[in-house]
Amino acid sequence: MKRYLIVFVMLLAFFQTAYGQDDRVDRLGFGVGPSKIYGDNTGRHRAFKFRVLPSISLDYNKKIDTHFDAKLTIGWQMISSGDFYPEPAKNNISLAGVPYGFDGNVIFADLMPIYYFNPDQSGYLPSMFKVYGGLGLGVFHSARTDRIRVFQDEDRFTTNTYRDSNTNLYVPIRIGVFKSLKNEKSEIGLEGTLLLSPFGELEGNNVRRKSLPADMLMQLQVFYRINIGE
């Protein structure tokens, strides 16, 4: 009987120490990973012919309560149309008065509430992996070198390059998962991001050649975050 009592006490002590605590604090993070742009002249997406280029983000997470953070993100993404269109398509796009190709960069900043689906809470066993998601509002600036063909007649043209830029609002959607590291003062995670631009052209082209109306930036980043609060 004493043996069973000792085992019971040990198990009770284990579960008491294993209970989660609402100890999430403010955090600062850095993320890097692949990305792509979805637009009117950004490749043949159904055929999986598009450019995959790097993106970088910095974020600050301010704890509001057990389930919510306020998240500020600033970042950069390289963008390019690539060279995936046949010659007739390049001609038709240029004849519409918009560029058929481009190379450039997008910088962006946004603010959103983040909801944690399974945060640590007193009285509950902690989850090894935490899952979160959020929806917000941001502003982007897209700076590019665009390419367009100028025709002298049906068979002769010159390719002009010029600098152009756009600034407008976007709607960011994020979902991520992370795991606290052993020291409990940092975490590592994976975050997927979709930046929707229904109001402005990320690629400088407003001739609708795609299935979905909004221009989009898509990112998949590995994040490392450190605690900066008490």
C-alpha atoms as a PDB file:
ATOM      1  CA  MET A   1       0.000   0.000   0.000  1.00  0.00           C
ATOM      2  CA  LYS A   2       2.818   2.395   0.860  1.00  0.00           C
ATOM      3  CA  ARG A   3       4.437   1.619  -2.505  1.00  0.00           C
ATOM      4  CA  TYR A   4       1.251   2.574  -4.382  1.00  0.00           C
ATOM      5  CA  LEU A   5       0.914   5.718  -2.289  1.00  0.00           C
ATOM      6  CA  ILE A   6       4.484   6.765  -3.088  1.00  0.00           C
ATOM      7  CA  VAL A   7       3.910   6.166  -6.822  1.00  0.00           C
ATOM      8  CA  PHE A   8       0.653   8.167  -6.669  1.00  0.00           C
ATOM      9  CA  VAL A   9       2.368  11.092  -4.913  1.00  0.00           C
ATOM     10  CA  MET A  10       5.205  11.044  -7.462  1.00  0.00           C
ATOM     11  CA  LEU A  11       2.762  11.083 -10.389  1.00  0.00           C
ATOM     12  CA  LEU A  12       0.776  13.894  -8.793  1.00  0.00           C
ATOM     13  CA  ALA A  13       3.965  15.911  -8.287  1.00  0.00           C
ATOM     14  CA  PHE A  14       4.974  15.293 -11.910  1.00  0.00           C
ATOM     15  CA  PHE A  15       1.671  16.495 -13.319  1.00  0.00           C
ATOM     16  CA  GLN A  16       1.666  19.505 -11.037  1.00  0.00           C
ATOM     17  CA  THR A  17       5.091  20.570 -12.328  1.00  0.00           C
ATOM     18  CA  ALA A  18       4.044  19.747 -15.905  1.00  0.00           C
ATOM     19  CA  TYR A  19       1.032  22.039 -15.827  1.00  0.00           C
ATOM     20  CA  GLY A  20       1.356  24.954 -18.226  1.00  0.00           C
ATOM     21  CA  GLN A  21       1.692  28.486 -16.993  1.00  0.00           C
ATOM     22  CA  ASP A  22       0.512  31.622 -18.759  1.00  0.00           C
ATOM     23  CA  ASP A  23       4.105  32.835 -19.008  1.00  0.00           C
ATOM     24  CA  ARG A  24       4.197  34.087 -22.612  1.00  0.00           C
ATOM     25  CA  VAL A  25       5.947  37.475 -22.769  1.00  0.00           C
ATOM     26  CA  ASP A  26       6.739  40.092 -25.409  1.00  0.00           C
ATOM     27  CA  ARG A  27       8.987  38.699 -28.142  1.00  0.00           C
ATOM     28  CA  LEU A  28      11.173  39.923 -30.992  1.00  0.00           C
ATOM     29  CA  GLY A  29      11.624  37.691 -34.030  1.00  0.00           C
ATOM     30  CA  PHE A  30      13.492  37.269 -37.304  1.00  0.00           C
ATOM     31  CA  GLY A  31      12.214  35.181 -40.207  1.00  0.00           C
ATOM     32  CA  VAL A  32      13.606  34.106 -43.573  1.00  0.00           C
ATOM     33  CA  GLY A  33      12.312  31.843 -46.306  1.00  0.00           C
ATOM     34  CA  PRO A  34      11.075  31.373 -49.881  1.00  0.00           C
ATOM     35  CA  SER A  35       8.325  33.445 -51.460  1.00  0.00           C
ATOM     36  CA  LYS A  36       6.468  34.105 -54.695  1.00  0.00           C
ATOM     37  CA  ILE A  37       4.261  36.773 -56.221  1.00  0.00           C
ATOM     38  CA  TYR A  38       0.885  36.160 -57.836  1.00  0.00           C
ATOM     39  CA  GLY A  39      -0.072  38.812 -60.375  1.00  0.00           C
ATOM     40  CA  ASP A  40      -1.061  39.497 -63.954  1.00  0.00           C
ATOM     41  CA  ASN A  41       2.419  39.038 -65.449  1.00  0.00           C
ATOM     42  CA  THR A  42       4.162  36.850 -62.881  1.00  0.00           C
ATOM     43  CA  GLY A  43       4.316  33.488 -64.642  1.00  0.00           C
ATOM     44  CA  ARG A  44       2.111  30.521 -65.506  1.00  0.00           C
ATOM     45  CA  HIS A  45       0.949  29.461 -62.068  1.00  0.00           C
ATOM     46  CA  ARG A  46      -1.227  26.518 -63.056  1.00  0.00           C
ATOM     47  CA  ALA A  47       1.795  25.042 -64.835  1.00  0.00           C
ATOM     48  CA  PHE A  48       3.988  25.818 -61.762  1.00  0.00           C
ATOM     49  CA  LYS A  49       6.185  28.112 -63.848  1.00  0.00           C
ATOM     50  CA  PHE A  50       7.048  31.098 -61.656  1.00  0.00           C
ATOM     51  CA  ARG A  51       9.980  32.507 -59.721  1.00  0.00           C
ATOM     52  CA  VAL A  52      10.633  31.498 -56.100  1.00  0.00           C
ATOM     53  CA  LEU A  53      12.710  34.200 -54.393  1.00  0.00           C
ATOM     54  CA  PRO A  54      13.804  35.119 -50.843  1.00  0.00           C
ATOM     55  CA  SER A  55      11.901  37.100 -48.233  1.00  0.00           C
ATOM     56  CA  ILE A  56      12.897  38.441 -44.798  1.00  0.00           C
ATOM     57  CA  SER A  57      10.750  39.661 -41.900  1.00  0.00           C
ATOM     58  CA  LEU A  58      11.168  41.201 -38.466  1.00  0.00           C
ATOM     59  CA  ASP A  59       8.295  41.039 -36.001  1.00  0.00           C
ATOM     60  CA  TYR A  60       7.408  42.296 -32.540  1.00  0.00           C
ATOM     61  CA  ASN A  61       4.788  40.430 -30.531  1.00  0.00           C
ATOM     62  CA  LYS A  62       3.124  42.303 -27.653  1.00  0.00           C
ATOM     63  CA  LYS A  63       1.158  40.089 -25.271  1.00  0.00           C
ATOM     64  CA  ILE A  64      -2.424  41.248 -24.656  1.00  0.00           C
ATOM     65  CA  ASP A  65      -3.818  38.283 -22.705  1.00  0.00           C
ATOM     66  CA  THR A  66      -3.628  34.489 -22.628  1.00  0.00           C
ATOM     67  CA  HIS A  67      -4.970  34.042 -26.161  1.00  0.00           C
ATOM     68  CA  PHE A  68      -4.059  37.296 -27.925  1.00  0.00           C
ATOM     69  CA  ASP A  69      -0.954  39.208 -29.027  1.00  0.00           C
ATOM     70  CA  ALA A  70      -0.600  42.376 -31.061  1.00  0.00           C
ATOM     71  CA  LYS A  71       1.908  41.667 -33.845  1.00  0.00           C
ATOM     72  CA  LEU A  72       3.868  44.267 -35.806  1.00  0.00           C
ATOM     73  CA  THR A  73       5.748  42.979 -38.864  1.00  0.00           C
ATOM     74  CA  ILE A  74       8.089  44.734 -41.288  1.00  0.00           C
ATOM     75  CA  GLY A  75       9.720  42.922 -44.157  1.00  0.00           C
ATOM     76  CA  TRP A  76      11.206  42.686 -47.630  1.00  0.00           C
ATOM     77  CA  GLN A  77      10.514  40.387 -50.563  1.00  0.00           C
ATOM     78  CA  MET A  78      12.302  40.115 -53.892  1.00  0.00           C
ATOM     79  CA  ILE A  79       9.906  39.911 -56.855  1.00  0.00           C
ATOM     80  CA  SER A  80      10.340  39.037 -60.535  1.00  0.00           C
ATOM     81  CA  SER A  81       8.140  38.073 -63.459  1.00  0.00           C
ATOM     82  CA  GLY A  82      10.660  35.567 -64.762  1.00  0.00           C
ATOM     83  CA  ASP A  83      10.513  34.708 -68.463  1.00  0.00           C
ATOM     84  CA  PHE A  84       7.674  32.209 -68.882  1.00  0.00           C
ATOM     85  CA  TYR A  85       5.442  33.745 -71.563  1.00  0.00           C
ATOM     86  CA  PRO A  86       5.586  32.925 -75.294  1.00  0.00           C
ATOM     87  CA  GLU A  87       6.399  35.749 -77.678  1.00  0.00           C
ATOM     88  CA  PRO A  88       2.763  36.386 -78.764  1.00  0.00           C
ATOM     89  CA  ALA A  89       1.733  36.831 -75.119  1.00  0.00           C
ATOM     90  CA  LYS A  90       4.543  39.345 -74.517  1.00  0.00           C
ATOM     91  CA  ASN A  91       3.412  41.264 -77.598  1.00  0.00           C
ATOM     92  CA  ASN A  92      -0.247  41.323 -76.536  1.00  0.00           C
ATOM     93  CA  ILE A  93       0.592  42.495 -73.012  1.00  0.00           C
ATOM     94  CA  SER A  94       2.813  45.273 -74.364  1.00  0.00           C
ATOM     95  CA  LEU A  95       0.161  46.346 -76.902  1.00  0.00           C
ATOM     96  CA  ALA A  96      -2.209  46.817 -73.942  1.00  0.00           C
ATOM     97  CA  GLY A  97       0.214  49.464 -72.633  1.00  0.00           C
ATOM     98  CA  VAL A  98       1.500  47.576 -69.577  1.00  0.00           C
ATOM     99  CA  PRO A  99       4.820  45.831 -68.874  1.00  0.00           C
ATOM    100  CA  TYR A 100       5.181  42.151 -69.707  1.00  0.00           C
ATOM    101  CA  GLY A 101       8.121  41.682 -67.323  1.00  0.00           C
ATOM    102  CA  PHE A 102       9.766  43.200 -64.266  1.00  0.00           C
ATOM    103  CA  ASP A 103      12.356  42.742 -61.512  1.00  0.00           C
ATOM    104  CA  GLY A 104      12.167  44.508 -58.179  1.00  0.00           C
ATOM    105  CA  ASN A 105      11.536  44.518 -54.450  1.00  0.00           C
ATOM    106  CA  VAL A 106       8.614  45.001 -52.089  1.00  0.00           C
ATOM    107  CA  ILE A 107       8.899  46.397 -48.586  1.00  0.00           C
ATOM    108  CA  PHE A 108       5.898  46.055 -46.300  1.00  0.00           C
ATOM    109  CA  ALA A 109       4.674  46.749 -42.780  1.00  0.00           C
ATOM    110  CA  ASP A 110       1.503  45.596 -41.067  1.00  0.00           C
ATOM    111  CA  LEU A 111      -0.246  45.282 -37.723  1.00  0.00           C
ATOM    112  CA  MET A 112      -2.576  42.463 -36.688  1.00  0.00           C
ATOM    113  CA  PRO A 113      -4.076  40.722 -33.666  1.00  0.00           C
ATOM    114  CA  ILE A 114      -2.757  37.168 -33.243  1.00  0.00           C
ATOM    115  CA  TYR A 115      -4.918  34.447 -31.703  1.00  0.00           C
ATOM    116  CA  TYR A 116      -3.234  31.453 -30.015  1.00  0.00           C
ATOM    117  CA  PHE A 117      -5.339  28.309 -30.353  1.00  0.00           C
ATOM    118  CA  ASN A 118      -3.550  26.325 -27.622  1.00  0.00           C
ATOM    119  CA  PRO A 119      -1.624  28.641 -25.268  1.00  0.00           C
ATOM    120  CA  ASP A 120      -0.120  27.505 -21.985  1.00  0.00           C
ATOM    121  CA  GLN A 121      -2.668  27.959 -19.207  1.00  0.00           C
ATOM    122  CA  SER A 122      -2.558  27.270 -15.494  1.00  0.00           C
ATOM    123  CA  GLY A 123      -4.134  23.934 -14.695  1.00  0.00           C
ATOM    124  CA  TYR A 124      -3.637  22.448 -18.182  1.00  0.00           C
ATOM    125  CA  LEU A 125      -0.871  20.292 -19.627  1.00  0.00           C
ATOM    126  CA  PRO A 126       1.254  22.409 -21.983  1.00  0.00           C
ATOM    127  CA  SER A 127       1.380  21.686 -25.721  1.00  0.00           C
ATOM    128  CA  MET A 128       4.777  21.034 -27.267  1.00  0.00           C
ATOM    129  CA  PHE A 129       3.785  23.005 -30.383  1.00  0.00           C
ATOM    130  CA  LYS A 130       1.708  26.190 -30.244  1.00  0.00           C
ATOM    131  CA  VAL A 131      -0.499  27.205 -33.184  1.00  0.00           C
ATOM    132  CA  TYR A 132      -1.622  30.765 -33.987  1.00  0.00           C
ATOM    133  CA  GLY A 133      -3.263  32.807 -36.713  1.00  0.00           C
ATOM    134  CA  GLY A 134      -4.156  36.396 -37.498  1.00  0.00           C
ATOM    135  CA  LEU A 135      -5.638  38.917 -39.921  1.00  0.00           C
ATOM    136  CA  GLY A 136      -4.604  42.568 -40.177  1.00  0.00           C
ATOM    137  CA  LEU A 137      -3.912  45.609 -42.336  1.00  0.00           C
ATOM    138  CA  GLY A 138      -0.681  46.934 -43.806  1.00  0.00           C
ATOM    139  CA  VAL A 139       0.985  49.138 -46.397  1.00  0.00           C
ATOM    140  CA  PHE A 140       3.452  48.091 -49.094  1.00  0.00           C
ATOM    141  CA  HIS A 141       5.842  49.852 -51.459  1.00  0.00           C
ATOM    142  CA  SER A 142       6.736  48.014 -54.671  1.00  0.00           C
ATOM    143  CA  ALA A 143       9.759  49.354 -56.615  1.00  0.00           C
ATOM    144  CA  ARG A 144      10.549  47.706 -59.953  1.00  0.00           C
ATOM    145  CA  THR A 145      12.360  47.881 -63.261  1.00  0.00           C
ATOM    146  CA  ASP A 146       9.615  47.157 -65.813  1.00  0.00           C
ATOM    147  CA  ARG A 147       9.981  45.894 -69.386  1.00  0.00           C
ATOM    148  CA  ILE A 148       7.624  46.737 -72.258  1.00  0.00           C
ATOM    149  CA  ARG A 149       7.816  46.377 -76.044  1.00  0.00           C
ATOM    150  CA  VAL A 150       7.226  49.431 -78.232  1.00  0.00           C
ATOM    151  CA  PHE A 151       6.254  48.507 -81.793  1.00  0.00           C
ATOM    152  CA  GLN A 152       7.290  50.440 -84.898  1.00  0.00           C
ATOM    153  CA  ASP A 153       5.177  48.122 -87.084  1.00  0.00           C
ATOM    154  CA  GLU A 154       3.806  44.565 -86.861  1.00  0.00           C
ATOM    155  CA  ASP A 155       7.244  42.942 -86.969  1.00  0.00           C
ATOM    156  CA  ARG A 156       9.616  45.506 -85.480  1.00  0.00           C
ATOM    157  CA  PHE A 157       9.792  46.580 -81.846  1.00  0.00           C
ATOM    158  CA  THR A 158      12.199  47.837 -79.233  1.00  0.00           C
ATOM    159  CA  THR A 159      12.208  46.742 -75.599  1.00  0.00           C
ATOM    160  CA  ASN A 160      12.111  49.665 -73.196  1.00  0.00           C
ATOM    161  CA  THR A 161      13.010  49.371 -69.517  1.00  0.00           C
ATOM    162  CA  TYR A 162      11.959  51.948 -66.962  1.00  0.00           C
ATOM    163  CA  ARG A 163      11.624  52.329 -63.203  1.00  0.00           C
ATOM    164  CA  ASP A 164       8.198  52.391 -61.627  1.00  0.00           C
ATOM    165  CA  SER A 165       6.692  51.976 -58.165  1.00  0.00           C
ATOM    166  CA  ASN A 166       3.383  51.527 -56.364  1.00  0.00           C
ATOM    167  CA  THR A 167       2.332  52.153 -52.767  1.00  0.00           C
ATOM    168  CA  ASN A 168      -0.956  50.924 -51.368  1.00  0.00           C
ATOM    169  CA  LEU A 169      -2.760  48.975 -48.644  1.00  0.00           C
ATOM    170  CA  TYR A 170      -2.873  45.209 -48.263  1.00  0.00           C
ATOM    171  CA  VAL A 171      -4.513  42.619 -46.020  1.00  0.00           C
ATOM    172  CA  PRO A 172      -2.097  40.149 -44.368  1.00  0.00           C
ATOM    173  CA  ILE A 173      -3.174  36.658 -43.305  1.00  0.00           C
ATOM    174  CA  ARG A 174      -0.785  34.570 -41.191  1.00  0.00           C
ATOM    175  CA  ILE A 175      -0.811  31.143 -39.617  1.00  0.00           C
ATOM    176  CA  GLY A 176       2.110  29.626 -37.767  1.00  0.00           C
ATOM    177  CA  VAL A 177       3.394  27.022 -35.367  1.00  0.00           C
ATOM    178  CA  PHE A 178       6.282  27.308 -32.911  1.00  0.00           C
ATOM    179  CA  LYS A 179       8.080  25.431 -30.161  1.00  0.00           C
ATOM    180  CA  SER A 180       9.777  26.915 -27.115  1.00  0.00           C
ATOM    181  CA  LEU A 181      13.445  25.999 -26.832  1.00  0.00           C
ATOM    182  CA  LYS A 182      14.983  24.400 -23.744  1.00  0.00           C
ATOM    183  CA  ASN A 183      16.012  27.644 -22.118  1.00  0.00           C
ATOM    184  CA  GLU A 184      12.358  28.848 -22.357  1.00  0.00           C
ATOM    185  CA  LYS A 185      13.633  32.282 -23.391  1.00  0.00           C
ATOM    186  CA  SER A 186      13.423  31.753 -27.135  1.00  0.00           C
ATOM    187  CA  GLU A 187      11.394  29.834 -29.699  1.00  0.00           C
ATOM    188  CA  ILE A 188      11.643  28.530 -33.243  1.00  0.00           C
ATOM    189  CA  GLY A 189       8.747  28.186 -35.633  1.00  0.00           C
ATOM    190  CA  LEU A 190       7.328  28.082 -39.131  1.00  0.00           C
ATOM    191  CA  GLU A 191       5.000  30.797 -40.439  1.00  0.00           C
ATOM    192  CA  GLY A 192       2.976  30.994 -43.640  1.00  0.00           C
ATOM    193  CA  THR A 193       1.929  34.441 -44.875  1.00  0.00           C
ATOM    194  CA  LEU A 194      -0.448  35.647 -47.573  1.00  0.00           C
ATOM    195  CA  LEU A 195      -0.440  39.373 -48.389  1.00  0.00           C
ATOM    196  CA  LEU A 196      -3.548  40.319 -50.392  1.00  0.00           C
ATOM    197  CA  SER A 197      -3.518  43.550 -52.403  1.00  0.00           C
ATOM    198  CA  PRO A 198      -7.039  44.166 -53.749  1.00  0.00           C
ATOM    199  CA  PHE A 199      -6.450  47.925 -54.137  1.00  0.00           C
ATOM    200  CA  GLY A 200      -3.059  48.296 -55.883  1.00  0.00           C
ATOM    201  CA  GLU A 201      -0.823  46.550 -58.403  1.00  0.00           C
ATOM    202  CA  LEU A 202       2.229  44.914 -56.848  1.00  0.00           C
ATOM    203  CA  GLU A 203       3.635  44.288 -60.344  1.00  0.00           C
ATOM    204  CA  GLY A 204       2.471  47.422 -62.186  1.00  0.00           C
ATOM    205  CA  ASN A 205       0.053  45.547 -64.450  1.00  0.00           C
ATOM    206  CA  ASN A 206      -3.719  45.993 -64.339  1.00  0.00           C
ATOM    207  CA  VAL A 207      -4.651  43.828 -67.333  1.00  0.00           C
ATOM    208  CA  ARG A 208      -6.491  40.933 -65.705  1.00  0.00           C
ATOM    209  CA  ARG A 209      -4.866  37.736 -66.979  1.00  0.00           C
ATOM    210  CA  LYS A 210      -5.239  35.681 -63.782  1.00  0.00           C
ATOM    211  CA  SER A 211      -8.028  33.699 -62.116  1.00  0.00           C
ATOM    212  CA  LEU A 212      -8.104  35.623 -58.822  1.00  0.00           C
ATOM    213  CA  PRO A 213      -8.523  39.412 -58.938  1.00  0.00           C
ATOM    214  CA  ALA A 214      -6.129  40.434 -56.140  1.00  0.00           C
ATOM    215  CA  ASP A 215      -2.349  40.570 -56.414  1.00  0.00           C
ATOM    216  CA  MET A 216      -0.683  38.474 -53.710  1.00  0.00           C
ATOM    217  CA  LEU A 217       2.625  37.866 -52.018  1.00  0.00           C
ATOM    218  CA  MET A 218       3.085  34.374 -50.557  1.00  0.00           C
ATOM    219  CA  GLN A 219       5.792  33.542 -48.020  1.00  0.00           C
ATOM    220  CA  LEU A 220       6.892  30.542 -45.959  1.00  0.00           C
ATOM    221  CA  GLN A 221       9.435  31.546 -43.314  1.00  0.00           C
ATOM    222  CA  VAL A 222      11.378  29.944 -40.500  1.00  0.00           C
ATOM    223  CA  PHE A 223      11.277  32.247 -37.467  1.00  0.00           C
ATOM    224  CA  TYR A 224      13.506  32.566 -34.416  1.00  0.00           C
ATOM    225  CA  ARG A 225      12.143  34.714 -31.588  1.00  0.00           C
ATOM    226  CA  ILE A 226      13.614  35.837 -28.263  1.00  0.00           C
ATOM    227  CA  ASN A 227      11.814  37.005 -25.134  1.00  0.00           C
ATOM    228  CA  ILE A 228      12.231  40.702 -24.354  1.00  0.00           C
ATOM    229  CA  GLY A 229       9.677  41.011 -21.546  1.00  0.00           C
ATOM    230  CA  GLU A 230       9.674  39.940 -17.938  1.00  0.00           C
END
